[in-house]
Amino acid sequence: MIAAGMTLLGMFALAAAMPRHAPALLGAWERRVPAARLRIGGWALLAAALAATLAASDWPLALVTWGGVLPFSAALVLLGLTYDVRLARGAAVLGALAILVGLLR
Protein backbone atom coordinates (compact mmCIF):
# COMPACT_ATOMS: atom_id res chain seq x y z
CA MET A 1 0.00 0.00 0.00
CA ILE A 2 2.89 2.33 0.72
CA ALA A 3 4.45 1.59 -2.66
CA ALA A 4 1.16 2.31 -4.43
CA GLY A 5 0.87 5.65 -2.67
CA MET A 6 4.44 6.55 -3.53
CA THR A 7 3.81 5.61 -7.15
CA LEU A 8 0.72 7.82 -7.33
CA LEU A 9 2.56 10.77 -5.80
CA GLY A 10 5.58 10.16 -8.03
CA MET A 11 3.47 10.21 -11.19
CA PHE A 12 1.70 13.36 -10.01
CA ALA A 13 5.05 15.05 -9.33
CA LEU A 14 6.42 14.06 -12.74
CA ALA A 15 3.31 15.41 -14.46
CA ALA A 16 3.46 18.62 -12.42
CA ALA A 17 7.10 19.09 -13.43
CA MET A 18 6.07 19.48 -17.09
CA PRO A 19 5.55 23.10 -18.16
CA ARG A 20 2.34 22.20 -19.97
CA HIS A 21 0.68 20.59 -16.95
CA ALA A 22 2.12 22.63 -14.07
CA PRO A 23 -0.43 25.48 -14.21
CA ALA A 24 -3.37 23.08 -14.12
CA LEU A 25 -2.02 20.77 -11.43
CA LEU A 26 -0.28 23.24 -9.14
CA GLY A 27 -2.32 26.40 -9.58
CA ALA A 28 -0.83 29.17 -7.46
CA TRP A 29 1.95 26.86 -6.29
CA GLU A 30 3.45 26.75 -9.79
CA ARG A 31 5.91 29.57 -9.14
CA ARG A 32 6.85 28.37 -5.66
CA VAL A 33 7.90 24.84 -6.57
CA PRO A 34 10.68 24.53 -9.16
CA ALA A 35 10.16 21.95 -11.90
CA ALA A 36 13.57 20.41 -11.26
CA ARG A 37 12.64 19.60 -7.66
CA LEU A 38 9.35 18.08 -8.75
CA ARG A 39 11.13 15.95 -11.35
CA ILE A 40 13.75 14.75 -8.86
CA GLY A 41 11.08 14.13 -6.23
CA GLY A 42 8.91 12.20 -8.67
CA TRP A 43 11.73 9.90 -9.72
CA ALA A 44 12.82 9.52 -6.09
CA LEU A 45 9.28 8.50 -5.10
CA LEU A 46 9.15 5.92 -7.90
CA ALA A 47 12.55 4.55 -6.83
CA ALA A 48 11.44 4.45 -3.19
CA ALA A 49 8.28 2.61 -4.22
CA LEU A 50 10.41 0.04 -6.03
CA ALA A 51 12.68 -0.29 -2.98
CA ALA A 52 9.67 -0.75 -0.70
CA THR A 53 8.38 -3.40 -3.07
CA LEU A 54 11.67 -5.29 -3.09
CA ALA A 55 11.83 -5.13 0.72
CA ALA A 56 8.56 -7.06 1.03
CA SER A 57 8.71 -10.64 2.26
CA ASP A 58 7.00 -11.92 -0.90
CA TRP A 59 8.96 -9.64 -3.22
CA PRO A 60 8.33 -11.46 -6.54
CA LEU A 61 4.57 -11.03 -6.20
CA ALA A 62 5.05 -7.49 -4.90
CA LEU A 63 7.22 -6.66 -7.91
CA VAL A 64 4.53 -7.85 -10.31
CA THR A 65 1.97 -5.82 -8.36
CA TRP A 66 4.20 -2.74 -8.57
CA GLY A 67 4.47 -3.29 -12.32
CA GLY A 68 0.68 -3.18 -12.49
CA VAL A 69 0.29 -0.21 -10.16
CA LEU A 70 2.74 1.87 -12.18
CA PRO A 71 0.60 2.21 -15.35
CA PHE A 72 -2.57 2.45 -13.24
CA SER A 73 -1.12 5.45 -11.40
CA ALA A 74 -0.06 7.06 -14.66
CA ALA A 75 -3.56 6.47 -16.06
CA LEU A 76 -5.20 8.15 -13.05
CA VAL A 77 -3.06 11.24 -13.47
CA LEU A 78 -3.58 11.22 -17.24
CA LEU A 79 -7.35 10.93 -16.90
CA GLY A 80 -7.27 13.77 -14.41
CA LEU A 81 -5.37 15.93 -16.86
CA THR A 82 -7.71 14.99 -19.69
CA TYR A 83 -11.09 15.35 -18.01
CA ASP A 84 -10.86 17.22 -14.74
CA VAL A 85 -7.81 18.37 -12.81
CA ARG A 86 -9.58 17.62 -9.55
CA LEU A 87 -9.30 13.91 -10.41
CA ALA A 88 -5.50 14.19 -10.71
CA ARG A 89 -5.30 16.17 -7.46
CA GLY A 90 -7.55 13.58 -5.85
CA ALA A 91 -5.16 10.86 -7.02
CA ALA A 92 -2.33 12.69 -5.25
CA VAL A 93 -4.40 12.91 -2.06
CA LEU A 94 -5.27 9.23 -2.41
CA GLY A 95 -1.57 8.44 -2.71
CA ALA A 96 -0.78 10.38 0.45
CA LEU A 97 -3.59 8.60 2.29
CA ALA A 98 -2.35 5.21 1.06
CA ILE A 99 1.10 5.97 2.46
CA LEU A 100 -0.39 7.10 5.77
CA VAL A 101 -2.60 4.04 6.10
CA GLY A 102 0.30 1.78 5.16
CA LEU A 103 2.49 3.34 7.84
CA LEU A 104 -0.20 3.10 10.51
CA ARG A 105 -1.02 -0.51 9.71
PDB file of N, CA and C in Angstrom:
ATOM      1  N   MET A   1       0.818  -1.185   0.000  1.00  0.00           N
ATOM      2  CA  MET A   1       0.000   0.000   0.000  1.00  0.00           C
ATOM      3  C   MET A   1       0.870   1.260   0.000  1.00  0.00           C
ATOM      4  N   ILE A   2       1.981   1.199   0.693  1.00  0.00           N
ATOM      5  CA  ILE A   2       2.887   2.332   0.719  1.00  0.00           C
ATOM      6  C   ILE A   2       3.482   2.555  -0.664  1.00  0.00           C
ATOM      7  N   ALA A   3       3.858   1.465  -1.327  1.00  0.00           N
ATOM      8  CA  ALA A   3       4.451   1.588  -2.661  1.00  0.00           C
ATOM      9  C   ALA A   3       3.445   2.152  -3.656  1.00  0.00           C
ATOM     10  N   ALA A   4       2.182   1.776  -3.528  1.00  0.00           N
ATOM     11  CA  ALA A   4       1.156   2.310  -4.431  1.00  0.00           C
ATOM     12  C   ALA A   4       0.972   3.807  -4.214  1.00  0.00           C
ATOM     13  N   GLY A   5       0.978   4.227  -2.969  1.00  0.00           N
ATOM     14  CA  GLY A   5       0.868   5.654  -2.674  1.00  0.00           C
ATOM     15  C   GLY A   5       2.060   6.441  -3.189  1.00  0.00           C
ATOM     16  N   MET A   6       3.249   5.876  -3.018  1.00  0.00           N
ATOM     17  CA  MET A   6       4.442   6.550  -3.530  1.00  0.00           C
ATOM     18  C   MET A   6       4.410   6.638  -5.052  1.00  0.00           C
ATOM     19  N   THR A   7       3.894   5.606  -5.694  1.00  0.00           N
ATOM     20  CA  THR A   7       3.809   5.610  -7.148  1.00  0.00           C
ATOM     21  C   THR A   7       2.827   6.676  -7.626  1.00  0.00           C
ATOM     22  N   LEU A   8       1.687   6.782  -6.968  1.00  0.00           N
ATOM     23  CA  LEU A   8       0.723   7.821  -7.332  1.00  0.00           C
ATOM     24  C   LEU A   8       1.310   9.222  -7.162  1.00  0.00           C
ATOM     25  N   LEU A   9       1.959   9.460  -6.034  1.00  0.00           N
ATOM     26  CA  LEU A   9       2.564  10.773  -5.800  1.00  0.00           C
ATOM     27  C   LEU A   9       3.717  11.038  -6.764  1.00  0.00           C
ATOM     28  N   GLY A  10       4.480  10.002  -7.085  1.00  0.00           N
ATOM     29  CA  GLY A  10       5.576  10.163  -8.032  1.00  0.00           C
ATOM     30  C   GLY A  10       5.090  10.538  -9.420  1.00  0.00           C
ATOM     31  N   MET A  11       4.031   9.873  -9.882  1.00  0.00           N
ATOM     32  CA  MET A  11       3.468  10.211 -11.193  1.00  0.00           C
ATOM     33  C   MET A  11       2.878  11.617 -11.201  1.00  0.00           C
ATOM     34  N   PHE A  12       2.239  12.003 -10.115  1.00  0.00           N
ATOM     35  CA  PHE A  12       1.703  13.361 -10.014  1.00  0.00           C
ATOM     36  C   PHE A  12       2.836  14.384 -10.070  1.00  0.00           C
ATOM     37  N   ALA A  13       3.923  14.117  -9.349  1.00  0.00           N
ATOM     38  CA  ALA A  13       5.051  15.051  -9.335  1.00  0.00           C
ATOM     39  C   ALA A  13       5.700  15.153 -10.711  1.00  0.00           C
ATOM     40  N   LEU A  14       5.828  14.024 -11.399  1.00  0.00           N
ATOM     41  CA  LEU A  14       6.416  14.064 -12.738  1.00  0.00           C
ATOM     42  C   LEU A  14       5.529  14.824 -13.714  1.00  0.00           C
ATOM     43  N   ALA A  15       4.228  14.661 -13.596  1.00  0.00           N
ATOM     44  CA  ALA A  15       3.314  15.413 -14.462  1.00  0.00           C
ATOM     45  C   ALA A  15       3.344  16.896 -14.120  1.00  0.00           C
ATOM     46  N   ALA A  16       3.427  17.223 -12.839  1.00  0.00           N
ATOM     47  CA  ALA A  16       3.458  18.621 -12.417  1.00  0.00           C
ATOM     48  C   ALA A  16       4.768  19.298 -12.791  1.00  0.00           C
ATOM     49  N   ALA A  17       5.818  18.520 -13.046  1.00  0.00           N
ATOM     50  CA  ALA A  17       7.100  19.093 -13.434  1.00  0.00           C
ATOM     51  C   ALA A  17       7.098  19.540 -14.892  1.00  0.00           C
ATOM     52  N   MET A  18       6.131  19.092 -15.673  1.00  0.00           N
ATOM     53  CA  MET A  18       6.072  19.480 -17.086  1.00  0.00           C
ATOM     54  C   MET A  18       5.460  20.870 -17.216  1.00  0.00           C
ATOM     55  N   PRO A  19       6.066  21.724 -18.029  1.00  0.00           N
ATOM     56  CA  PRO A  19       5.550  23.099 -18.160  1.00  0.00           C
ATOM     57  C   PRO A  19       4.101  23.158 -18.649  1.00  0.00           C
ATOM     58  N   ARG A  20       3.705  22.200 -19.436  1.00  0.00           N
ATOM     59  CA  ARG A  20       2.341  22.201 -19.970  1.00  0.00           C
ATOM     60  C   ARG A  20       1.297  21.895 -18.892  1.00  0.00           C
ATOM     61  N   HIS A  21       1.652  21.034 -17.945  1.00  0.00           N
ATOM     62  CA  HIS A  21       0.681  20.592 -16.948  1.00  0.00           C
ATOM     63  C   HIS A  21       0.797  21.304 -15.610  1.00  0.00           C
ATOM     64  N   ALA A  22       1.897  21.988 -15.374  1.00  0.00           N
ATOM     65  CA  ALA A  22       2.119  22.631 -14.075  1.00  0.00           C
ATOM     66  C   ALA A  22       1.042  23.646 -13.711  1.00  0.00           C
ATOM     67  N   PRO A  23       0.604  24.517 -14.627  1.00  0.00           N
ATOM     68  CA  PRO A  23      -0.431  25.482 -14.214  1.00  0.00           C
ATOM     69  C   PRO A  23      -1.735  24.811 -13.789  1.00  0.00           C
ATOM     70  N   ALA A  24      -2.113  23.755 -14.457  1.00  0.00           N
ATOM     71  CA  ALA A  24      -3.372  23.080 -14.118  1.00  0.00           C
ATOM     72  C   ALA A  24      -3.260  22.305 -12.811  1.00  0.00           C
ATOM     73  N   LEU A  25      -2.147  21.620 -12.615  1.00  0.00           N
ATOM     74  CA  LEU A  25      -2.018  20.769 -11.433  1.00  0.00           C
ATOM     75  C   LEU A  25      -1.643  21.541 -10.176  1.00  0.00           C
ATOM     76  N   LEU A  26      -0.792  22.542 -10.314  1.00  0.00           N
ATOM     77  CA  LEU A  26      -0.282  23.236  -9.137  1.00  0.00           C
ATOM     78  C   LEU A  26      -1.018  24.524  -8.815  1.00  0.00           C
ATOM     79  N   GLY A  27      -1.620  25.144  -9.815  1.00  0.00           N
ATOM     80  CA  GLY A  27      -2.322  26.401  -9.581  1.00  0.00           C
ATOM     81  C   GLY A  27      -1.370  27.483  -9.121  1.00  0.00           C
ATOM     82  N   ALA A  28      -1.653  28.078  -7.988  1.00  0.00           N
ATOM     83  CA  ALA A  28      -0.828  29.169  -7.455  1.00  0.00           C
ATOM     84  C   ALA A  28       0.544  28.688  -6.989  1.00  0.00           C
ATOM     85  N   TRP A  29       0.686  27.412  -6.753  1.00  0.00           N
ATOM     86  CA  TRP A  29       1.954  26.861  -6.285  1.00  0.00           C
ATOM     87  C   TRP A  29       2.972  26.706  -7.414  1.00  0.00           C
ATOM     88  N   GLU A  30       2.568  26.972  -8.644  1.00  0.00           N
ATOM     89  CA  GLU A  30       3.449  26.747  -9.785  1.00  0.00           C
ATOM     90  C   GLU A  30       4.763  27.515  -9.659  1.00  0.00           C
ATOM     91  N   ARG A  31       4.703  28.740  -9.214  1.00  0.00           N
ATOM     92  CA  ARG A  31       5.907  29.572  -9.137  1.00  0.00           C
ATOM     93  C   ARG A  31       6.744  29.259  -7.900  1.00  0.00           C
ATOM     94  N   ARG A  32       6.140  28.646  -6.907  1.00  0.00           N
ATOM     95  CA  ARG A  32       6.852  28.373  -5.656  1.00  0.00           C
ATOM     96  C   ARG A  32       7.652  27.083  -5.697  1.00  0.00           C
ATOM     97  N   VAL A  33       7.235  26.142  -6.520  1.00  0.00           N
ATOM     98  CA  VAL A  33       7.898  24.840  -6.572  1.00  0.00           C
ATOM     99  C   VAL A  33       8.617  24.712  -7.906  1.00  0.00           C
ATOM    100  N   PRO A  34       9.952  24.660  -7.898  1.00  0.00           N
ATOM    101  CA  PRO A  34      10.684  24.534  -9.157  1.00  0.00           C
ATOM    102  C   PRO A  34      10.446  23.179  -9.821  1.00  0.00           C
ATOM    103  N   ALA A  35      10.417  23.181 -11.134  1.00  0.00           N
ATOM    104  CA  ALA A  35      10.158  21.953 -11.896  1.00  0.00           C
ATOM    105  C   ALA A  35      11.247  20.916 -11.659  1.00  0.00           C
ATOM    106  N   ALA A  36      12.474  21.364 -11.483  1.00  0.00           N
ATOM    107  CA  ALA A  36      13.565  20.407 -11.262  1.00  0.00           C
ATOM    108  C   ALA A  36      13.364  19.627  -9.966  1.00  0.00           C
ATOM    109  N   ARG A  37      12.897  20.299  -8.929  1.00  0.00           N
ATOM    110  CA  ARG A  37      12.638  19.598  -7.660  1.00  0.00           C
ATOM    111  C   ARG A  37      11.489  18.617  -7.792  1.00  0.00           C
ATOM    112  N   LEU A  38      10.466  18.998  -8.533  1.00  0.00           N
ATOM    113  CA  LEU A  38       9.350  18.076  -8.747  1.00  0.00           C
ATOM    114  C   LEU A  38       9.806  16.849  -9.526  1.00  0.00           C
ATOM    115  N   ARG A  39      10.641  17.066 -10.541  1.00  0.00           N
ATOM    116  CA  ARG A  39      11.132  15.952 -11.353  1.00  0.00           C
ATOM    117  C   ARG A  39      11.990  15.010 -10.507  1.00  0.00           C
ATOM    118  N   ILE A  40      12.892  15.573  -9.726  1.00  0.00           N
ATOM    119  CA  ILE A  40      13.749  14.750  -8.863  1.00  0.00           C
ATOM    120  C   ILE A  40      12.908  14.031  -7.809  1.00  0.00           C
ATOM    121  N   GLY A  41      11.953  14.755  -7.224  1.00  0.00           N
ATOM    122  CA  GLY A  41      11.076  14.133  -6.232  1.00  0.00           C
ATOM    123  C   GLY A  41      10.221  13.030  -6.809  1.00  0.00           C
ATOM    124  N   GLY A  42       9.727  13.227  -8.024  1.00  0.00           N
ATOM    125  CA  GLY A  42       8.915  12.196  -8.675  1.00  0.00           C
ATOM    126  C   GLY A  42       9.699  10.923  -8.923  1.00  0.00           C
ATOM    127  N   TRP A  43      10.908  11.087  -9.471  1.00  0.00           N
ATOM    128  CA  TRP A  43      11.734   9.898  -9.717  1.00  0.00           C
ATOM    129  C   TRP A  43      12.172   9.251  -8.410  1.00  0.00           C
ATOM    130  N   ALA A  44      12.432  10.070  -7.391  1.00  0.00           N
ATOM    131  CA  ALA A  44      12.818   9.517  -6.086  1.00  0.00           C
ATOM    132  C   ALA A  44      11.665   8.732  -5.470  1.00  0.00           C
ATOM    133  N   LEU A  45      10.440   9.233  -5.621  1.00  0.00           N
ATOM    134  CA  LEU A  45       9.283   8.497  -5.100  1.00  0.00           C
ATOM    135  C   LEU A  45       9.082   7.175  -5.840  1.00  0.00           C
ATOM    136  N   LEU A  46       9.278   7.171  -7.150  1.00  0.00           N
ATOM    137  CA  LEU A  46       9.154   5.916  -7.899  1.00  0.00           C
ATOM    138  C   LEU A  46      10.245   4.924  -7.503  1.00  0.00           C
ATOM    139  N   ALA A  47      11.465   5.427  -7.276  1.00  0.00           N
ATOM    140  CA  ALA A  47      12.552   4.548  -6.830  1.00  0.00           C
ATOM    141  C   ALA A  47      12.294   4.030  -5.417  1.00  0.00           C
ATOM    142  N   ALA A  48      11.763   4.886  -4.553  1.00  0.00           N
ATOM    143  CA  ALA A  48      11.436   4.451  -3.187  1.00  0.00           C
ATOM    144  C   ALA A  48      10.310   3.426  -3.194  1.00  0.00           C
ATOM    145  N   ALA A  49       9.358   3.595  -4.109  1.00  0.00           N
ATOM    146  CA  ALA A  49       8.280   2.606  -4.224  1.00  0.00           C
ATOM    147  C   ALA A  49       8.836   1.261  -4.664  1.00  0.00           C
ATOM    148  N   LEU A  50       9.776   1.287  -5.596  1.00  0.00           N
ATOM    149  CA  LEU A  50      10.408   0.038  -6.031  1.00  0.00           C
ATOM    150  C   LEU A  50      11.205  -0.586  -4.888  1.00  0.00           C
ATOM    151  N   ALA A  51      11.916   0.226  -4.126  1.00  0.00           N
ATOM    152  CA  ALA A  51      12.683  -0.286  -2.984  1.00  0.00           C
ATOM    153  C   ALA A  51      11.757  -0.880  -1.924  1.00  0.00           C
ATOM    154  N   ALA A  52      10.634  -0.214  -1.672  1.00  0.00           N
ATOM    155  CA  ALA A  52       9.672  -0.746  -0.697  1.00  0.00           C
ATOM    156  C   ALA A  52       9.085  -2.061  -1.195  1.00  0.00           C
ATOM    157  N   THR A  53       8.895  -2.164  -2.492  1.00  0.00           N
ATOM    158  CA  THR A  53       8.379  -3.396  -3.070  1.00  0.00           C
ATOM    159  C   THR A  53       9.379  -4.531  -2.913  1.00  0.00           C
ATOM    160  N   LEU A  54      10.634  -4.250  -3.187  1.00  0.00           N
ATOM    161  CA  LEU A  54      11.666  -5.288  -3.088  1.00  0.00           C
ATOM    162  C   LEU A  54      11.965  -5.678  -1.649  1.00  0.00           C
ATOM    163  N   ALA A  55      11.611  -4.815  -0.695  1.00  0.00           N
ATOM    164  CA  ALA A  55      11.833  -5.125   0.716  1.00  0.00           C
ATOM    165  C   ALA A  55      10.728  -6.007   1.300  1.00  0.00           C
ATOM    166  N   ALA A  56       9.670  -6.234   0.540  1.00  0.00           N
ATOM    167  CA  ALA A  56       8.559  -7.056   1.035  1.00  0.00           C
ATOM    168  C   ALA A  56       9.008  -8.509   1.170  1.00  0.00           C
ATOM    169  N   SER A  57       8.334  -9.238   2.047  1.00  0.00           N
ATOM    170  CA  SER A  57       8.706 -10.641   2.264  1.00  0.00           C
ATOM    171  C   SER A  57       8.423 -11.486   1.017  1.00  0.00           C
ATOM    172  N   ASP A  58       7.340 -11.204   0.333  1.00  0.00           N
ATOM    173  CA  ASP A  58       6.997 -11.916  -0.903  1.00  0.00           C
ATOM    174  C   ASP A  58       7.291 -10.997  -2.087  1.00  0.00           C
ATOM    175  N   TRP A  59       8.576 -10.673  -2.267  1.00  0.00           N
ATOM    176  CA  TRP A  59       8.961  -9.640  -3.218  1.00  0.00           C
ATOM    177  C   TRP A  59       8.654  -9.983  -4.677  1.00  0.00           C
ATOM    178  N   PRO A  60       8.672 -11.245  -5.131  1.00  0.00           N
ATOM    179  CA  PRO A  60       8.329 -11.465  -6.543  1.00  0.00           C
ATOM    180  C   PRO A  60       6.885 -11.066  -6.871  1.00  0.00           C
ATOM    181  N   LEU A  61       5.967 -11.424  -5.992  1.00  0.00           N
ATOM    182  CA  LEU A  61       4.567 -11.035  -6.197  1.00  0.00           C
ATOM    183  C   LEU A  61       4.405  -9.526  -6.046  1.00  0.00           C
ATOM    184  N   ALA A  62       5.116  -8.936  -5.096  1.00  0.00           N
ATOM    185  CA  ALA A  62       5.045  -7.491  -4.899  1.00  0.00           C
ATOM    186  C   ALA A  62       5.617  -6.746  -6.102  1.00  0.00           C
ATOM    187  N   LEU A  63       6.642  -7.299  -6.729  1.00  0.00           N
ATOM    188  CA  LEU A  63       7.224  -6.659  -7.912  1.00  0.00           C
ATOM    189  C   LEU A  63       6.251  -6.677  -9.085  1.00  0.00           C
ATOM    190  N   VAL A  64       5.548  -7.772  -9.256  1.00  0.00           N
ATOM    191  CA  VAL A  64       4.531  -7.852 -10.309  1.00  0.00           C
ATOM    192  C   VAL A  64       3.391  -6.876 -10.012  1.00  0.00           C
ATOM    193  N   THR A  65       3.013  -6.764  -8.754  1.00  0.00           N
ATOM    194  CA  THR A  65       1.970  -5.821  -8.361  1.00  0.00           C
ATOM    195  C   THR A  65       2.419  -4.393  -8.623  1.00  0.00           C
ATOM    196  N   TRP A  66       3.671  -4.069  -8.308  1.00  0.00           N
ATOM    197  CA  TRP A  66       4.202  -2.736  -8.574  1.00  0.00           C
ATOM    198  C   TRP A  66       4.202  -2.443 -10.073  1.00  0.00           C
ATOM    199  N   GLY A  67       4.519  -3.462 -10.865  1.00  0.00           N
ATOM    200  CA  GLY A  67       4.474  -3.291 -12.316  1.00  0.00           C
ATOM    201  C   GLY A  67       3.071  -3.022 -12.828  1.00  0.00           C
ATOM    202  N   GLY A  68       2.057  -3.476 -12.119  1.00  0.00           N
ATOM    203  CA  GLY A  68       0.677  -3.182 -12.488  1.00  0.00           C
ATOM    204  C   GLY A  68       0.196  -1.845 -11.945  1.00  0.00           C
ATOM    205  N   VAL A  69       0.688  -1.475 -10.775  1.00  0.00           N
ATOM    206  CA  VAL A  69       0.290  -0.214 -10.159  1.00  0.00           C
ATOM    207  C   VAL A  69       0.892   0.973 -10.910  1.00  0.00           C
ATOM    208  N   LEU A  70       2.065   0.782 -11.485  1.00  0.00           N
ATOM    209  CA  LEU A  70       2.745   1.865 -12.184  1.00  0.00           C
ATOM    210  C   LEU A  70       1.913   2.431 -13.342  1.00  0.00           C
ATOM    211  N   PRO A  71       1.435   1.626 -14.283  1.00  0.00           N
ATOM    212  CA  PRO A  71       0.598   2.207 -15.347  1.00  0.00           C
ATOM    213  C   PRO A  71      -0.771   2.670 -14.844  1.00  0.00           C
ATOM    214  N   PHE A  72      -1.287   2.030 -13.802  1.00  0.00           N
ATOM    215  CA  PHE A  72      -2.566   2.454 -13.240  1.00  0.00           C
ATOM    216  C   PHE A  72      -2.456   3.861 -12.650  1.00  0.00           C
ATOM    217  N   SER A  73      -1.346   4.121 -11.968  1.00  0.00           N
ATOM    218  CA  SER A  73      -1.118   5.454 -11.402  1.00  0.00           C
ATOM    219  C   SER A  73      -0.970   6.494 -12.506  1.00  0.00           C
ATOM    220  N   ALA A  74      -0.225   6.139 -13.535  1.00  0.00           N
ATOM    221  CA  ALA A  74      -0.063   7.064 -14.657  1.00  0.00           C
ATOM    222  C   ALA A  74      -1.405   7.323 -15.330  1.00  0.00           C
ATOM    223  N   ALA A  75      -2.242   6.303 -15.432  1.00  0.00           N
ATOM    224  CA  ALA A  75      -3.562   6.473 -16.057  1.00  0.00           C
ATOM    225  C   ALA A  75      -4.459   7.382 -15.218  1.00  0.00           C
ATOM    226  N   LEU A  76      -4.398   7.270 -13.903  1.00  0.00           N
ATOM    227  CA  LEU A  76      -5.201   8.152 -13.051  1.00  0.00           C
ATOM    228  C   LEU A  76      -4.813   9.614 -13.234  1.00  0.00           C
ATOM    229  N   VAL A  77      -3.520   9.867 -13.278  1.00  0.00           N
ATOM    230  CA  VAL A  77      -3.059  11.245 -13.468  1.00  0.00           C
ATOM    231  C   VAL A  77      -3.414  11.717 -14.875  1.00  0.00           C
ATOM    232  N   LEU A  78      -3.247  10.861 -15.867  1.00  0.00           N
ATOM    233  CA  LEU A  78      -3.578  11.220 -17.243  1.00  0.00           C
ATOM    234  C   LEU A  78      -5.067  11.507 -17.404  1.00  0.00           C
ATOM    235  N   LEU A  79      -5.912  10.681 -16.828  1.00  0.00           N
ATOM    236  CA  LEU A  79      -7.355  10.935 -16.900  1.00  0.00           C
ATOM    237  C   LEU A  79      -7.717  12.235 -16.192  1.00  0.00           C
ATOM    238  N   GLY A  80      -7.026  12.504 -15.101  1.00  0.00           N
ATOM    239  CA  GLY A  80      -7.268  13.765 -14.414  1.00  0.00           C
ATOM    240  C   GLY A  80      -6.878  14.962 -15.258  1.00  0.00           C
ATOM    241  N   LEU A  81      -5.788  14.834 -15.982  1.00  0.00           N
ATOM    242  CA  LEU A  81      -5.370  15.927 -16.860  1.00  0.00           C
ATOM    243  C   LEU A  81      -6.294  16.070 -18.058  1.00  0.00           C
ATOM    244  N   THR A  82      -6.857  14.964 -18.506  1.00  0.00           N
ATOM    245  CA  THR A  82      -7.709  14.993 -19.687  1.00  0.00           C
ATOM    246  C   THR A  82      -9.101  15.515 -19.369  1.00  0.00           C
ATOM    247  N   TYR A  83      -9.694  15.032 -18.289  1.00  0.00           N
ATOM    248  CA  TYR A  83     -11.090  15.350 -18.010  1.00  0.00           C
ATOM    249  C   TYR A  83     -11.271  16.448 -16.964  1.00  0.00           C
ATOM    250  N   ASP A  84     -10.677  16.259 -15.821  1.00  0.00           N
ATOM    251  CA  ASP A  84     -10.863  17.221 -14.743  1.00  0.00           C
ATOM    252  C   ASP A  84      -9.635  17.171 -13.844  1.00  0.00           C
ATOM    253  N   VAL A  85      -9.038  18.305 -13.603  1.00  0.00           N
ATOM    254  CA  VAL A  85      -7.813  18.372 -12.812  1.00  0.00           C
ATOM    255  C   VAL A  85      -8.056  17.906 -11.381  1.00  0.00           C
ATOM    256  N   ARG A  86      -9.277  18.056 -10.917  1.00  0.00           N
ATOM    257  CA  ARG A  86      -9.581  17.616  -9.548  1.00  0.00           C
ATOM    258  C   ARG A  86      -9.370  16.116  -9.390  1.00  0.00           C
ATOM    259  N   LEU A  87      -9.542  15.351 -10.472  1.00  0.00           N
ATOM    260  CA  LEU A  87      -9.298  13.913 -10.414  1.00  0.00           C
ATOM    261  C   LEU A  87      -7.810  13.631 -10.199  1.00  0.00           C
ATOM    262  N   ALA A  88      -6.950  14.369 -10.884  1.00  0.00           N
ATOM    263  CA  ALA A  88      -5.504  14.191 -10.709  1.00  0.00           C
ATOM    264  C   ALA A  88      -5.076  14.622  -9.308  1.00  0.00           C
ATOM    265  N   ARG A  89      -5.620  15.731  -8.829  1.00  0.00           N
ATOM    266  CA  ARG A  89      -5.303  16.167  -7.458  1.00  0.00           C
ATOM    267  C   ARG A  89      -5.836  15.168  -6.443  1.00  0.00           C
ATOM    268  N   GLY A  90      -6.991  14.609  -6.720  1.00  0.00           N
ATOM    269  CA  GLY A  90      -7.545  13.578  -5.848  1.00  0.00           C
ATOM    270  C   GLY A  90      -6.678  12.330  -5.830  1.00  0.00           C
ATOM    271  N   ALA A  91      -6.072  12.005  -6.974  1.00  0.00           N
ATOM    272  CA  ALA A  91      -5.158  10.864  -7.017  1.00  0.00           C
ATOM    273  C   ALA A  91      -3.949  11.121  -6.131  1.00  0.00           C
ATOM    274  N   ALA A  92      -3.461  12.353  -6.115  1.00  0.00           N
ATOM    275  CA  ALA A  92      -2.331  12.689  -5.247  1.00  0.00           C
ATOM    276  C   ALA A  92      -2.727  12.573  -3.770  1.00  0.00           C
ATOM    277  N   VAL A  93      -3.914  13.037  -3.443  1.00  0.00           N
ATOM    278  CA  VAL A  93      -4.400  12.912  -2.062  1.00  0.00           C
ATOM    279  C   VAL A  93      -4.588  11.443  -1.703  1.00  0.00           C
ATOM    280  N   LEU A  94      -5.114  10.662  -2.633  1.00  0.00           N
ATOM    281  CA  LEU A  94      -5.273   9.226  -2.414  1.00  0.00           C
ATOM    282  C   LEU A  94      -3.923   8.556  -2.183  1.00  0.00           C
ATOM    283  N   GLY A  95      -2.912   8.980  -2.921  1.00  0.00           N
ATOM    284  CA  GLY A  95      -1.570   8.440  -2.713  1.00  0.00           C
ATOM    285  C   GLY A  95      -1.033   8.761  -1.331  1.00  0.00           C
ATOM    286  N   ALA A  96      -1.236   9.997  -0.889  1.00  0.00           N
ATOM    287  CA  ALA A  96      -0.783  10.378   0.453  1.00  0.00           C
ATOM    288  C   ALA A  96      -1.527   9.594   1.537  1.00  0.00           C
ATOM    289  N   LEU A  97      -2.817   9.389   1.331  1.00  0.00           N
ATOM    290  CA  LEU A  97      -3.590   8.601   2.292  1.00  0.00           C
ATOM    291  C   LEU A  97      -3.150   7.142   2.301  1.00  0.00           C
ATOM    292  N   ALA A  98      -2.815   6.597   1.133  1.00  0.00           N
ATOM    293  CA  ALA A  98      -2.347   5.210   1.062  1.00  0.00           C
ATOM    294  C   ALA A  98      -1.035   5.047   1.817  1.00  0.00           C
ATOM    295  N   ILE A  99      -0.161   6.026   1.707  1.00  0.00           N
ATOM    296  CA  ILE A  99       1.096   5.967   2.459  1.00  0.00           C
ATOM    297  C   ILE A  99       0.819   6.047   3.956  1.00  0.00           C
ATOM    298  N   LEU A 100      -0.063   6.952   4.353  1.00  0.00           N
ATOM    299  CA  LEU A 100      -0.386   7.102   5.769  1.00  0.00           C
ATOM    300  C   LEU A 100      -1.016   5.844   6.341  1.00  0.00           C
ATOM    301  N   VAL A 101      -1.961   5.273   5.622  1.00  0.00           N
ATOM    302  CA  VAL A 101      -2.601   4.038   6.100  1.00  0.00           C
ATOM    303  C   VAL A 101      -1.596   2.901   6.154  1.00  0.00           C
ATOM    304  N   GLY A 102      -0.719   2.825   5.156  1.00  0.00           N
ATOM    305  CA  GLY A 102       0.302   1.775   5.160  1.00  0.00           C
ATOM    306  C   GLY A 102       1.270   1.911   6.323  1.00  0.00           C
ATOM    307  N   LEU A 103       1.589   3.136   6.691  1.00  0.00           N
ATOM    308  CA  LEU A 103       2.487   3.340   7.837  1.00  0.00           C
ATOM    309  C   LEU A 103       1.810   3.048   9.165  1.00  0.00           C
ATOM    310  N   LEU A 104       0.516   3.339   9.250  1.00  0.00           N
ATOM    311  CA  LEU A 104      -0.202   3.098  10.508  1.00  0.00           C
ATOM    312  C   LEU A 104      -0.594   1.635  10.700  1.00  0.00           C
ATOM    313  N   ARG A 105      -0.598   0.877   9.645  1.00  0.00           N
ATOM    314  CA  ARG A 105      -1.023  -0.512   9.715  1.00  0.00           C
ATOM    315  C   ARG A 105       0.047  -1.395  10.149  1.00  0.00           C
TER     316      ARG A 105
END
